[in-house]
Amino acid sequence: MDRKEQKSIIEGLLFVSGDEGIYPEQIAKVLEIEVNEVIDILEEMQKEYEGAHRGLQIVQYAKVYRFATKKEHASYYQKLIDIPTAASLSQAALETLAIVAYRQPITRTEMEEIRGVKTDKALQTLVSHLLIKETGRAEGPGRPILYGTTKEFLDTFGLKTLDDLPPLSEESEQMNEADLFFGSLQEISK
């Protein structure tokens, strides 16, 4: 087996070992080569990863080698972590989001009438996740804030436009509206 093939296999072993990492002795057993040769290859690979424009590096902690992201890219990784997913939202937030999606523009009071409970916390969560935003003010006493969905909402749920939302069936109109909206939104996120 040539050096390129060994590096390729080691790269795969580093990947599948994940955060736990892998000992050079384990790699040596897999490749059926000496531990010193494995360490030489790992050191070569570390230099190659450092020199190339890559987002990963090979690091060693307590005799264990593993892949790690480069520190200089940390702000980009944090942005990914901050992107909301349907799984990170509570049922109350998902129900509120479904109501906004189908009824926008809509006021907080109208949402609460549909849900039958306060929506302050859910609204705050949805706004902080950039899934809904203020779209204006309603006419009438106090000029309440109107809410609507955002581009991030469409992206998060894999929609091109609001027309891609599942249609509401006639039989569904007899159901509790919050259950209906929540069920429709769950269908989108599958």
Protein backbone atom coordinates (compact mmCIF):
# COMPACT_ATOMS: atom_id res chain seq x y z
CA MET A 1 0.00 0.00 0.00
CA ASP A 2 1.47 3.37 -1.01
CA ARG A 3 1.68 6.50 1.15
CA LYS A 4 -1.26 8.22 -0.60
CA GLU A 5 -3.53 5.27 0.14
CA GLN A 6 -2.37 5.18 3.77
CA LYS A 7 -3.14 8.90 4.15
CA SER A 8 -6.53 8.41 2.58
CA ILE A 9 -7.39 5.61 5.00
CA ILE A 10 -6.07 7.58 7.99
CA GLU A 11 -8.17 10.56 6.91
CA GLY A 12 -11.25 8.33 6.90
CA LEU A 13 -10.34 6.86 10.29
CA LEU A 14 -9.97 10.35 11.75
CA PHE A 15 -13.38 11.26 10.37
CA VAL A 16 -15.22 8.19 11.69
CA SER A 17 -13.52 8.44 15.10
CA GLY A 18 -15.24 11.82 15.57
CA ASP A 19 -14.62 13.91 18.68
CA GLU A 20 -13.20 10.95 20.58
CA GLY A 21 -10.28 10.76 18.18
CA ILE A 22 -8.03 7.81 17.55
CA TYR A 23 -4.71 6.59 18.96
CA PRO A 24 -1.80 6.01 16.57
CA GLU A 25 -1.69 2.44 17.91
CA GLN A 26 -5.22 1.86 16.65
CA ILE A 27 -4.33 3.20 13.22
CA ALA A 28 -1.22 1.01 13.17
CA LYS A 29 -3.33 -2.10 13.86
CA VAL A 30 -5.81 -1.20 11.11
CA LEU A 31 -3.11 -0.47 8.52
CA GLU A 32 -0.81 -3.23 9.79
CA ILE A 33 2.18 -0.89 9.99
CA GLU A 34 4.48 0.36 12.77
CA VAL A 35 3.27 3.05 15.18
CA ASN A 36 6.27 5.26 14.34
CA GLU A 37 5.26 5.20 10.68
CA VAL A 38 1.70 6.19 11.60
CA ILE A 39 3.01 9.14 13.63
CA ASP A 40 5.21 10.22 10.69
CA ILE A 41 2.20 10.08 8.36
CA LEU A 42 0.00 11.99 10.82
CA GLU A 43 2.66 14.72 11.16
CA GLU A 44 2.88 14.98 7.35
CA MET A 45 -0.89 15.22 7.14
CA GLN A 46 -0.97 17.93 9.83
CA LYS A 47 1.44 20.04 7.75
CA GLU A 48 -0.57 19.41 4.59
CA TYR A 49 -3.79 20.51 6.29
CA GLU A 50 -2.10 23.61 7.73
CA GLY A 51 -0.70 24.63 4.33
CA ALA A 52 -3.88 24.08 2.36
CA HIS A 53 -6.92 26.33 2.38
CA ARG A 54 -9.06 23.94 4.38
CA GLY A 55 -11.57 24.36 7.16
CA LEU A 56 -10.20 21.41 9.11
CA GLN A 57 -6.97 20.61 10.86
CA ILE A 58 -5.57 17.49 12.49
CA VAL A 59 -4.91 18.03 16.17
CA GLN A 60 -3.36 15.91 18.90
CA TYR A 61 -4.63 15.93 22.47
CA ALA A 62 -3.26 13.48 25.06
CA LYS A 63 -1.86 11.11 22.41
CA VAL A 64 -5.18 11.06 20.52
CA TYR A 65 -5.48 12.51 17.02
CA ARG A 66 -8.69 13.95 15.62
CA PHE A 67 -10.11 16.46 13.19
CA ALA A 68 -10.96 19.92 14.48
CA THR A 69 -12.22 23.07 12.84
CA LYS A 70 -9.86 26.00 12.46
CA LYS A 71 -10.16 28.69 15.13
CA GLU A 72 -10.05 31.50 12.57
CA HIS A 73 -13.37 30.27 11.15
CA ALA A 74 -15.15 30.07 14.52
CA SER A 75 -17.49 32.99 13.80
CA TYR A 76 -18.87 31.15 10.75
CA TYR A 77 -19.45 27.95 12.71
CA GLN A 78 -21.28 29.95 15.37
CA LYS A 79 -23.61 31.35 12.70
CA LEU A 80 -24.52 27.80 11.69
CA ILE A 81 -25.20 26.84 15.29
CA ASP A 82 -27.46 29.88 15.63
CA ILE A 83 -29.62 28.95 12.61
CA PRO A 84 -32.94 27.69 13.95
CA THR A 85 -34.41 24.34 13.09
CA ALA A 86 -37.92 23.07 13.61
CA ALA A 87 -36.54 20.68 16.23
CA SER A 88 -35.26 23.59 18.34
CA LEU A 89 -38.72 25.18 18.66
CA SER A 90 -41.27 24.34 21.34
CA GLN A 91 -44.72 23.11 20.39
CA ALA A 92 -46.15 26.49 21.40
CA ALA A 93 -43.68 28.28 19.11
CA LEU A 94 -44.44 25.91 16.22
CA GLU A 95 -48.18 26.38 16.67
CA THR A 96 -47.77 30.15 16.74
CA LEU A 97 -45.51 30.03 13.70
CA ALA A 98 -48.09 27.99 11.78
CA ILE A 99 -50.79 30.52 12.64
CA VAL A 100 -48.60 33.38 11.42
CA ALA A 101 -47.71 31.48 8.24
CA TYR A 102 -51.33 30.87 7.25
CA ARG A 103 -52.94 34.06 8.58
CA GLN A 104 -50.33 36.77 8.00
CA PRO A 105 -50.34 39.62 8.50
CA ILE A 106 -51.72 38.93 11.96
CA THR A 107 -51.66 40.63 15.36
CA ARG A 108 -50.64 39.05 18.66
CA THR A 109 -54.23 39.34 19.91
CA GLU A 110 -55.55 37.45 16.87
CA MET A 111 -52.97 34.69 17.46
CA GLU A 112 -54.00 34.43 21.10
CA GLU A 113 -57.68 34.15 20.11
CA ILE A 114 -56.83 31.22 17.82
CA ARG A 115 -54.52 29.47 20.29
CA GLY A 116 -56.55 30.30 23.38
CA VAL A 117 -53.40 31.16 25.36
CA LYS A 118 -50.83 33.94 25.56
CA THR A 119 -48.22 33.98 22.79
CA ASP A 120 -45.67 36.45 24.20
CA LYS A 121 -42.89 33.88 24.80
CA ALA A 122 -43.51 32.07 21.50
CA LEU A 123 -43.47 35.37 19.59
CA GLN A 124 -40.24 36.40 21.28
CA THR A 125 -38.64 33.06 20.35
CA LEU A 126 -39.80 33.25 16.73
CA VAL A 127 -38.58 36.83 16.32
CA SER A 128 -35.19 35.97 17.88
CA HIS A 129 -34.87 33.00 15.50
CA LEU A 130 -35.67 35.38 12.61
CA LEU A 131 -38.63 33.23 11.55
CA ILE A 132 -41.16 36.05 11.88
CA LYS A 133 -40.91 39.82 11.86
CA GLU A 134 -43.00 42.92 12.32
CA THR A 135 -44.63 43.75 8.99
CA GLY A 136 -46.51 46.88 9.96
CA ARG A 137 -49.32 48.14 12.15
CA ALA A 138 -53.02 47.29 12.05
CA GLU A 139 -55.64 50.02 11.85
CA GLY A 140 -57.65 50.47 15.01
CA PRO A 141 -57.19 51.22 18.69
CA GLY A 142 -53.55 51.12 19.72
CA ARG A 143 -52.44 50.24 16.18
CA PRO A 144 -51.21 46.73 17.14
CA ILE A 145 -48.14 45.23 15.49
CA LEU A 146 -48.72 42.92 12.53
CA TYR A 147 -46.48 39.86 12.16
CA GLY A 148 -45.48 37.87 9.09
CA THR A 149 -42.95 35.21 8.15
CA THR A 150 -39.45 35.89 6.84
CA LYS A 151 -37.17 34.53 4.14
CA GLU A 152 -35.46 32.53 6.90
CA PHE A 153 -38.81 30.86 7.62
CA LEU A 154 -39.04 29.76 3.98
CA ASP A 155 -35.42 28.54 3.99
CA THR A 156 -35.77 26.69 7.31
CA PHE A 157 -38.84 24.77 6.15
CA GLY A 158 -37.66 24.22 2.57
CA LEU A 159 -40.28 26.44 0.93
CA LYS A 160 -39.82 28.66 -2.10
CA THR A 161 -42.93 30.75 -1.44
CA LEU A 162 -45.86 30.75 0.97
CA ASP A 163 -47.88 29.11 -1.80
CA ASP A 164 -45.85 25.96 -1.05
CA LEU A 165 -47.54 25.62 2.37
CA PRO A 166 -49.78 22.54 2.48
CA PRO A 167 -53.37 23.50 1.67
CA LEU A 168 -55.91 23.42 4.47
CA SER A 169 -58.61 20.84 3.77
CA GLU A 170 -62.34 21.47 4.38
CA GLU A 171 -62.59 18.67 6.94
CA SER A 172 -59.77 20.34 8.84
CA GLU A 173 -61.87 23.47 9.33
CA GLN A 174 -63.87 21.63 12.00
CA MET A 175 -60.72 20.86 13.98
CA ASN A 176 -59.19 23.17 16.55
CA GLU A 177 -57.35 25.73 14.42
CA ALA A 178 -54.13 25.52 16.43
CA ASP A 179 -54.02 21.73 15.99
CA LEU A 180 -54.70 22.16 12.30
CA PHE A 181 -51.95 24.70 11.79
CA PHE A 182 -49.46 22.77 13.89
CA GLY A 183 -50.16 19.58 11.94
CA SER A 184 -49.71 21.36 8.62
CA LEU A 185 -46.42 22.86 9.75
CA GLN A 186 -45.16 19.46 10.89
CA GLU A 187 -45.87 18.12 7.40
CA ILE A 188 -43.69 20.84 5.88
CA SER A 189 -40.75 20.11 8.16
CA LYS A 190 -40.64 16.37 7.33
